Amino acid sequence: MPRPPASPAEIEAARDQMIEGSIALIDEAGFQEFSMRKLGSRLGIAAKTIYNYFADKDELYLAVLSRGFQRLLSEMEDRAAPARNPSDRLLLLGQAYVEFGLANPRYYNVLFSLDLPRFTDYRGTRHEKLAEQQNNEALLVADLAAQCISQIVAENDTDEEEIKYRLMRLWSSLHGIISLVNSRVTLEVGDFSAAIPSLVEDAVNQASGS
């Protein structure tokens, strides 16, 4: 008797398993060493099974990025929802960003730290539209903070270049916090965790001009 078709929930669960397995493999070995065969071996399934869900490793990799940025965006928006003003919102967004990076180090590496294919690498390929969609999702994360900074400095008639600079300074600071903690370098000089809230707040205050 033929096996009944998988339900939408079963399909989504299988995709989730493949995406999570891909994150670990890419983080460990890089994109060039990532393959459907290695993923199948890690998950205990045949590589051809993965092709039932993703056309090739690029499509799977872009799904990894898309899922990661969607999750990060959702967590940032949820955290910032109670904010009463742009300054409070920016602080909550920064806290959520750092917490995501610390709680999901492998995912954060794939999204922000490793030298992996990005949107421009897919221009002119059959994956260009999918990569563009993923890139737009990534830009939404930065746009959340940029909107706050724009609102905070609006009364000073600050130009777009200044807003962009403040955004990049904030992003660099938050990324530095995550990278230092996740690399465990800070263990050489003591426990870094107690300082994280103040470091995030200082970075946000610099971006907002406080």
C-alpha atoms as a PDB file:
ATOM      1  CA  MET A   1       0.000   0.000   0.000  1.00  0.00           C
ATOM      2  CA  PRO A   2       1.521   3.370  -1.007  1.00  0.00           C
ATOM      3  CA  ARG A   3       2.494   5.740   1.752  1.00  0.00           C
ATOM      4  CA  PRO A   4       0.052   8.671   2.108  1.00  0.00           C
ATOM      5  CA  PRO A   5       1.375  12.126   1.155  1.00  0.00           C
ATOM      6  CA  ALA A   6       3.025  14.070   3.947  1.00  0.00           C
ATOM      7  CA  SER A   7       0.846  16.607   5.701  1.00  0.00           C
ATOM      8  CA  PRO A   8       1.774  20.324   5.652  1.00  0.00           C
ATOM      9  CA  ALA A   9       2.896  19.985   9.274  1.00  0.00           C
ATOM     10  CA  GLU A  10       5.139  17.018   8.414  1.00  0.00           C
ATOM     11  CA  ILE A  11       6.621  18.888   5.457  1.00  0.00           C
ATOM     12  CA  GLU A  12       7.356  21.920   7.620  1.00  0.00           C
ATOM     13  CA  ALA A  13       8.923  19.727  10.318  1.00  0.00           C
ATOM     14  CA  ALA A  14      11.163  18.041   7.748  1.00  0.00           C
ATOM     15  CA  ARG A  15      12.238  21.402   6.321  1.00  0.00           C
ATOM     16  CA  ASP A  16      12.974  22.678   9.821  1.00  0.00           C
ATOM     17  CA  GLN A  17      15.146  19.654  10.542  1.00  0.00           C
ATOM     18  CA  MET A  18      17.091  20.175   7.318  1.00  0.00           C
ATOM     19  CA  ILE A  19      17.526  23.894   7.947  1.00  0.00           C
ATOM     20  CA  GLU A  20      18.779  23.338  11.505  1.00  0.00           C
ATOM     21  CA  GLY A  21      21.163  20.622  10.331  1.00  0.00           C
ATOM     22  CA  SER A  22      22.444  22.930   7.603  1.00  0.00           C
ATOM     23  CA  ILE A  23      23.192  25.692  10.097  1.00  0.00           C
ATOM     24  CA  ALA A  24      25.459  23.391  12.090  1.00  0.00           C
ATOM     25  CA  LEU A  25      27.246  22.068   8.998  1.00  0.00           C
ATOM     26  CA  ILE A  26      27.820  25.484   7.434  1.00  0.00           C
ATOM     27  CA  ASP A  27      29.078  26.896  10.709  1.00  0.00           C
ATOM     28  CA  GLU A  28      31.474  23.982  11.181  1.00  0.00           C
ATOM     29  CA  ALA A  29      32.845  23.545   7.669  1.00  0.00           C
ATOM     30  CA  GLY A  30      31.829  26.540   5.551  1.00  0.00           C
ATOM     31  CA  PHE A  31      29.599  26.734   2.514  1.00  0.00           C
ATOM     32  CA  GLN A  32      32.037  25.115   0.087  1.00  0.00           C
ATOM     33  CA  GLU A  33      32.202  21.936   2.172  1.00  0.00           C
ATOM     34  CA  PHE A  34      28.449  21.870   2.736  1.00  0.00           C
ATOM     35  CA  SER A  35      26.603  19.276   0.644  1.00  0.00           C
ATOM     36  CA  MET A  36      23.307  17.443   0.552  1.00  0.00           C
ATOM     37  CA  ARG A  37      25.201  14.190   1.061  1.00  0.00           C
ATOM     38  CA  LYS A  38      26.860  15.422   4.249  1.00  0.00           C
ATOM     39  CA  LEU A  39      23.584  16.840   5.502  1.00  0.00           C
ATOM     40  CA  GLY A  40      21.824  13.558   4.806  1.00  0.00           C
ATOM     41  CA  SER A  41      24.531  11.666   6.682  1.00  0.00           C
ATOM     42  CA  ARG A  42      24.184  14.016   9.638  1.00  0.00           C
ATOM     43  CA  LEU A  43      20.407  13.636   9.726  1.00  0.00           C
ATOM     44  CA  GLY A  44      20.384   9.904   9.011  1.00  0.00           C
ATOM     45  CA  ILE A  45      18.476  10.241   5.744  1.00  0.00           C
ATOM     46  CA  ALA A  46      19.307   9.778   2.074  1.00  0.00           C
ATOM     47  CA  ALA A  47      20.516  12.857   0.199  1.00  0.00           C
ATOM     48  CA  LYS A  48      17.804  12.298  -2.411  1.00  0.00           C
ATOM     49  CA  THR A  49      15.197  12.812   0.320  1.00  0.00           C
ATOM     50  CA  ILE A  50      16.463  16.361   0.835  1.00  0.00           C
ATOM     51  CA  TYR A  51      15.957  17.072  -2.870  1.00  0.00           C
ATOM     52  CA  ASN A  52      12.247  16.454  -2.338  1.00  0.00           C
ATOM     53  CA  TYR A  53      12.228  19.661  -0.277  1.00  0.00           C
ATOM     54  CA  PHE A  54      15.005  21.790  -1.783  1.00  0.00           C
ATOM     55  CA  ALA A  55      16.209  21.871  -5.393  1.00  0.00           C
ATOM     56  CA  ASP A  56      19.892  22.243  -4.476  1.00  0.00           C
ATOM     57  CA  LYS A  57      22.187  23.413  -1.702  1.00  0.00           C
ATOM     58  CA  ASP A  58      21.884  27.066  -2.730  1.00  0.00           C
ATOM     59  CA  GLU A  59      18.122  26.969  -2.330  1.00  0.00           C
ATOM     60  CA  LEU A  60      18.528  25.305   1.060  1.00  0.00           C
ATOM     61  CA  TYR A  61      21.189  27.825   2.108  1.00  0.00           C
ATOM     62  CA  LEU A  62      18.954  30.755   1.137  1.00  0.00           C
ATOM     63  CA  ALA A  63      16.139  29.166   3.138  1.00  0.00           C
ATOM     64  CA  VAL A  64      18.516  29.055   6.119  1.00  0.00           C
ATOM     65  CA  LEU A  65      19.216  32.783   5.768  1.00  0.00           C
ATOM     66  CA  SER A  66      15.563  33.627   5.235  1.00  0.00           C
ATOM     67  CA  ARG A  67      14.448  31.671   8.287  1.00  0.00           C
ATOM     68  CA  GLY A  68      17.163  33.245  10.419  1.00  0.00           C
ATOM     69  CA  PHE A  69      16.371  36.833   9.501  1.00  0.00           C
ATOM     70  CA  GLN A  70      12.637  36.211   9.913  1.00  0.00           C
ATOM     71  CA  ARG A  71      13.247  34.835  13.395  1.00  0.00           C
ATOM     72  CA  LEU A  72      15.538  37.707  14.358  1.00  0.00           C
ATOM     73  CA  LEU A  73      13.097  40.288  13.012  1.00  0.00           C
ATOM     74  CA  SER A  74      10.204  38.709  14.903  1.00  0.00           C
ATOM     75  CA  GLU A  75      12.126  38.650  18.186  1.00  0.00           C
ATOM     76  CA  MET A  76      13.197  42.270  17.793  1.00  0.00           C
ATOM     77  CA  GLU A  77       9.696  43.454  16.940  1.00  0.00           C
ATOM     78  CA  ASP A  78       8.168  41.548  19.849  1.00  0.00           C
ATOM     79  CA  ARG A  79      10.704  42.954  22.294  1.00  0.00           C
ATOM     80  CA  ALA A  80      10.225  46.536  21.100  1.00  0.00           C
ATOM     81  CA  ALA A  81       6.417  46.443  21.006  1.00  0.00           C
ATOM     82  CA  PRO A  82       5.910  47.959  24.514  1.00  0.00           C
ATOM     83  CA  ALA A  83       8.243  50.915  23.819  1.00  0.00           C
ATOM     84  CA  ARG A  84       6.782  54.345  24.543  1.00  0.00           C
ATOM     85  CA  ASN A  85       9.194  56.378  22.416  1.00  0.00           C
ATOM     86  CA  PRO A  86      11.919  55.881  19.762  1.00  0.00           C
ATOM     87  CA  SER A  87      14.745  55.913  22.331  1.00  0.00           C
ATOM     88  CA  ASP A  88      13.171  53.152  24.397  1.00  0.00           C
ATOM     89  CA  ARG A  89      12.392  51.221  21.231  1.00  0.00           C
ATOM     90  CA  LEU A  90      15.989  51.441  19.999  1.00  0.00           C
ATOM     91  CA  LEU A  91      17.284  50.127  23.325  1.00  0.00           C
ATOM     92  CA  LEU A  92      14.861  47.202  23.266  1.00  0.00           C
ATOM     93  CA  LEU A  93      15.808  46.419  19.666  1.00  0.00           C
ATOM     94  CA  GLY A  94      19.491  46.417  20.615  1.00  0.00           C
ATOM     95  CA  GLN A  95      18.876  44.141  23.581  1.00  0.00           C
ATOM     96  CA  ALA A  96      16.899  41.699  21.436  1.00  0.00           C
ATOM     97  CA  TYR A  97      19.593  41.666  18.752  1.00  0.00           C
ATOM     98  CA  VAL A  98      22.362  40.857  21.227  1.00  0.00           C
ATOM     99  CA  GLU A  99      20.274  38.237  23.016  1.00  0.00           C
ATOM    100  CA  PHE A 100      19.528  36.523  19.700  1.00  0.00           C
ATOM    101  CA  GLY A 101      23.220  36.424  18.818  1.00  0.00           C
ATOM    102  CA  LEU A 102      24.214  35.009  22.198  1.00  0.00           C
ATOM    103  CA  ALA A 103      21.401  32.452  22.330  1.00  0.00           C
ATOM    104  CA  ASN A 104      21.939  31.274  18.728  1.00  0.00           C
ATOM    105  CA  PRO A 105      25.702  31.504  18.099  1.00  0.00           C
ATOM    106  CA  ARG A 106      25.768  29.170  15.110  1.00  0.00           C
ATOM    107  CA  TYR A 107      22.856  30.879  13.446  1.00  0.00           C
ATOM    108  CA  TYR A 108      24.402  34.280  14.137  1.00  0.00           C
ATOM    109  CA  ASN A 109      27.679  33.160  12.569  1.00  0.00           C
ATOM    110  CA  VAL A 110      25.882  32.106   9.399  1.00  0.00           C
ATOM    111  CA  LEU A 111      23.847  35.317   9.230  1.00  0.00           C
ATOM    112  CA  PHE A 112      26.565  37.829  10.080  1.00  0.00           C
ATOM    113  CA  SER A 113      30.050  36.481  10.765  1.00  0.00           C
ATOM    114  CA  LEU A 114      31.168  33.898   8.216  1.00  0.00           C
ATOM    115  CA  ASP A 115      32.387  34.604   4.680  1.00  0.00           C
ATOM    116  CA  LEU A 116      29.422  33.052   2.882  1.00  0.00           C
ATOM    117  CA  PRO A 117      27.543  33.782  -0.359  1.00  0.00           C
ATOM    118  CA  ARG A 118      25.390  36.905  -0.181  1.00  0.00           C
ATOM    119  CA  PHE A 119      22.833  38.516  -2.489  1.00  0.00           C
ATOM    120  CA  THR A 120      25.368  39.970  -4.925  1.00  0.00           C
ATOM    121  CA  ASP A 121      26.868  36.513  -5.453  1.00  0.00           C
ATOM    122  CA  TYR A 122      23.547  35.316  -6.851  1.00  0.00           C
ATOM    123  CA  ARG A 123      23.015  38.104  -9.370  1.00  0.00           C
ATOM    124  CA  GLY A 124      22.626  36.665 -12.836  1.00  0.00           C
ATOM    125  CA  THR A 125      21.873  33.172 -11.518  1.00  0.00           C
ATOM    126  CA  ARG A 126      18.612  31.269 -11.343  1.00  0.00           C
ATOM    127  CA  HIS A 127      18.555  31.947  -7.614  1.00  0.00           C
ATOM    128  CA  GLU A 128      18.646  35.729  -7.990  1.00  0.00           C
ATOM    129  CA  LYS A 129      14.974  36.346  -7.149  1.00  0.00           C
ATOM    130  CA  LEU A 130      15.086  34.058  -4.127  1.00  0.00           C
ATOM    131  CA  ALA A 131      18.299  35.724  -2.958  1.00  0.00           C
ATOM    132  CA  GLU A 132      16.773  39.176  -3.445  1.00  0.00           C
ATOM    133  CA  GLN A 133      13.777  38.178  -1.329  1.00  0.00           C
ATOM    134  CA  GLN A 134      16.101  36.952   1.407  1.00  0.00           C
ATOM    135  CA  ASN A 135      18.179  40.130   1.188  1.00  0.00           C
ATOM    136  CA  ASN A 136      15.078  42.274   1.604  1.00  0.00           C
ATOM    137  CA  GLU A 137      14.241  40.351   4.777  1.00  0.00           C
ATOM    138  CA  ALA A 138      17.728  41.040   6.091  1.00  0.00           C
ATOM    139  CA  LEU A 139      17.403  44.754   5.345  1.00  0.00           C
ATOM    140  CA  LEU A 140      14.220  44.909   7.424  1.00  0.00           C
ATOM    141  CA  VAL A 141      16.323  44.158  10.502  1.00  0.00           C
ATOM    142  CA  ALA A 142      18.563  47.162   9.873  1.00  0.00           C
ATOM    143  CA  ASP A 143      15.579  49.309   8.938  1.00  0.00           C
ATOM    144  CA  LEU A 144      14.009  48.811  12.375  1.00  0.00           C
ATOM    145  CA  ALA A 145      16.955  50.545  14.011  1.00  0.00           C
ATOM    146  CA  ALA A 146      17.353  53.125  11.250  1.00  0.00           C
ATOM    147  CA  GLN A 147      13.747  54.259  11.684  1.00  0.00           C
ATOM    148  CA  CYS A 148      14.290  54.777  15.408  1.00  0.00           C
ATOM    149  CA  ILE A 149      17.487  56.743  14.881  1.00  0.00           C
ATOM    150  CA  SER A 150      15.780  58.873  12.241  1.00  0.00           C
ATOM    151  CA  GLN A 151      12.928  59.695  14.616  1.00  0.00           C
ATOM    152  CA  ILE A 152      15.287  60.459  17.498  1.00  0.00           C
ATOM    153  CA  VAL A 153      17.437  62.915  15.546  1.00  0.00           C
ATOM    154  CA  ALA A 154      14.642  64.414  13.415  1.00  0.00           C
ATOM    155  CA  GLU A 155      14.508  67.610  15.466  1.00  0.00           C
ATOM    156  CA  ASN A 156      18.182  68.249  14.669  1.00  0.00           C
ATOM    157  CA  ASP A 157      17.546  68.004  10.923  1.00  0.00           C
ATOM    158  CA  THR A 158      20.197  65.277  10.631  1.00  0.00           C
ATOM    159  CA  ASP A 159      20.882  64.108   7.069  1.00  0.00           C
ATOM    160  CA  GLU A 160      20.657  60.553   5.753  1.00  0.00           C
ATOM    161  CA  GLU A 161      24.415  60.016   5.785  1.00  0.00           C
ATOM    162  CA  GLU A 162      24.570  60.828   9.492  1.00  0.00           C
ATOM    163  CA  ILE A 163      21.709  58.432  10.212  1.00  0.00           C
ATOM    164  CA  LYS A 164      23.485  55.711   8.240  1.00  0.00           C
ATOM    165  CA  TYR A 165      26.718  56.384  10.131  1.00  0.00           C
ATOM    166  CA  ARG A 166      24.974  56.144  13.499  1.00  0.00           C
ATOM    167  CA  LEU A 167      23.322  52.901  12.428  1.00  0.00           C
ATOM    168  CA  MET A 168      26.639  51.371  11.372  1.00  0.00           C
ATOM    169  CA  ARG A 169      28.311  52.489  14.601  1.00  0.00           C
ATOM    170  CA  LEU A 170      25.537  50.884  16.641  1.00  0.00           C
ATOM    171  CA  TRP A 171      25.579  47.706  14.571  1.00  0.00           C
ATOM    172  CA  SER A 172      29.364  47.451  14.848  1.00  0.00           C
ATOM    173  CA  SER A 173      29.206  47.798  18.628  1.00  0.00           C
ATOM    174  CA  LEU A 174      26.477  45.199  19.082  1.00  0.00           C
ATOM    175  CA  HIS A 175      28.180  42.807  16.678  1.00  0.00           C
ATOM    176  CA  GLY A 176      31.410  43.246  18.617  1.00  0.00           C
ATOM    177  CA  ILE A 177      29.723  42.331  21.890  1.00  0.00           C
ATOM    178  CA  ILE A 178      28.236  39.177  20.395  1.00  0.00           C
ATOM    179  CA  SER A 179      31.449  38.144  18.648  1.00  0.00           C
ATOM    180  CA  LEU A 180      33.614  38.625  21.735  1.00  0.00           C
ATOM    181  CA  VAL A 181      31.292  36.649  23.986  1.00  0.00           C
ATOM    182  CA  ASN A 182      30.664  33.854  21.490  1.00  0.00           C
ATOM    183  CA  SER A 183      34.387  33.469  20.789  1.00  0.00           C
ATOM    184  CA  ARG A 184      34.988  33.092  24.554  1.00  0.00           C
ATOM    185  CA  VAL A 185      37.948  35.456  24.306  1.00  0.00           C
ATOM    186  CA  THR A 186      36.515  37.446  27.199  1.00  0.00           C
ATOM    187  CA  LEU A 187      36.904  34.465  29.534  1.00  0.00           C
ATOM    188  CA  GLU A 188      40.612  35.301  29.617  1.00  0.00           C
ATOM    189  CA  VAL A 189      39.864  38.592  31.363  1.00  0.00           C
ATOM    190  CA  GLY A 190      36.877  37.549  33.458  1.00  0.00           C
ATOM    191  CA  ASP A 191      33.119  37.200  33.255  1.00  0.00           C
ATOM    192  CA  PHE A 192      31.804  39.554  30.591  1.00  0.00           C
ATOM    193  CA  SER A 193      28.100  38.840  31.040  1.00  0.00           C
ATOM    194  CA  ALA A 194      27.425  41.352  33.802  1.00  0.00           C
ATOM    195  CA  ALA A 195      28.690  44.204  31.622  1.00  0.00           C
ATOM    196  CA  ILE A 196      26.572  43.364  28.569  1.00  0.00           C
ATOM    197  CA  PRO A 197      23.436  45.379  29.496  1.00  0.00           C
ATOM    198  CA  SER A 198      25.512  48.509  30.132  1.00  0.00           C
ATOM    199  CA  LEU A 199      27.513  48.022  26.941  1.00  0.00           C
ATOM    200  CA  VAL A 200      24.325  47.707  24.905  1.00  0.00           C
ATOM    201  CA  GLU A 201      22.856  50.788  26.548  1.00  0.00           C
ATOM    202  CA  ASP A 202      26.036  52.789  25.921  1.00  0.00           C
ATOM    203  CA  ALA A 203      26.040  51.771  22.250  1.00  0.00           C
ATOM    204  CA  VAL A 204      22.400  52.794  21.870  1.00  0.00           C
ATOM    205  CA  ASN A 205      23.001  56.106  23.625  1.00  0.00           C
ATOM    206  CA  GLN A 206      25.850  56.886  21.241  1.00  0.00           C
ATOM    207  CA  ALA A 207      23.649  56.122  18.253  1.00  0.00           C
ATOM    208  CA  SER A 208      20.844  58.322  19.542  1.00  0.00           C
ATOM    209  CA  GLY A 209      23.168  61.127  20.585  1.00  0.00           C
ATOM    210  CA  SER A 210      22.289  60.877  24.279  1.00  0.00           C
END
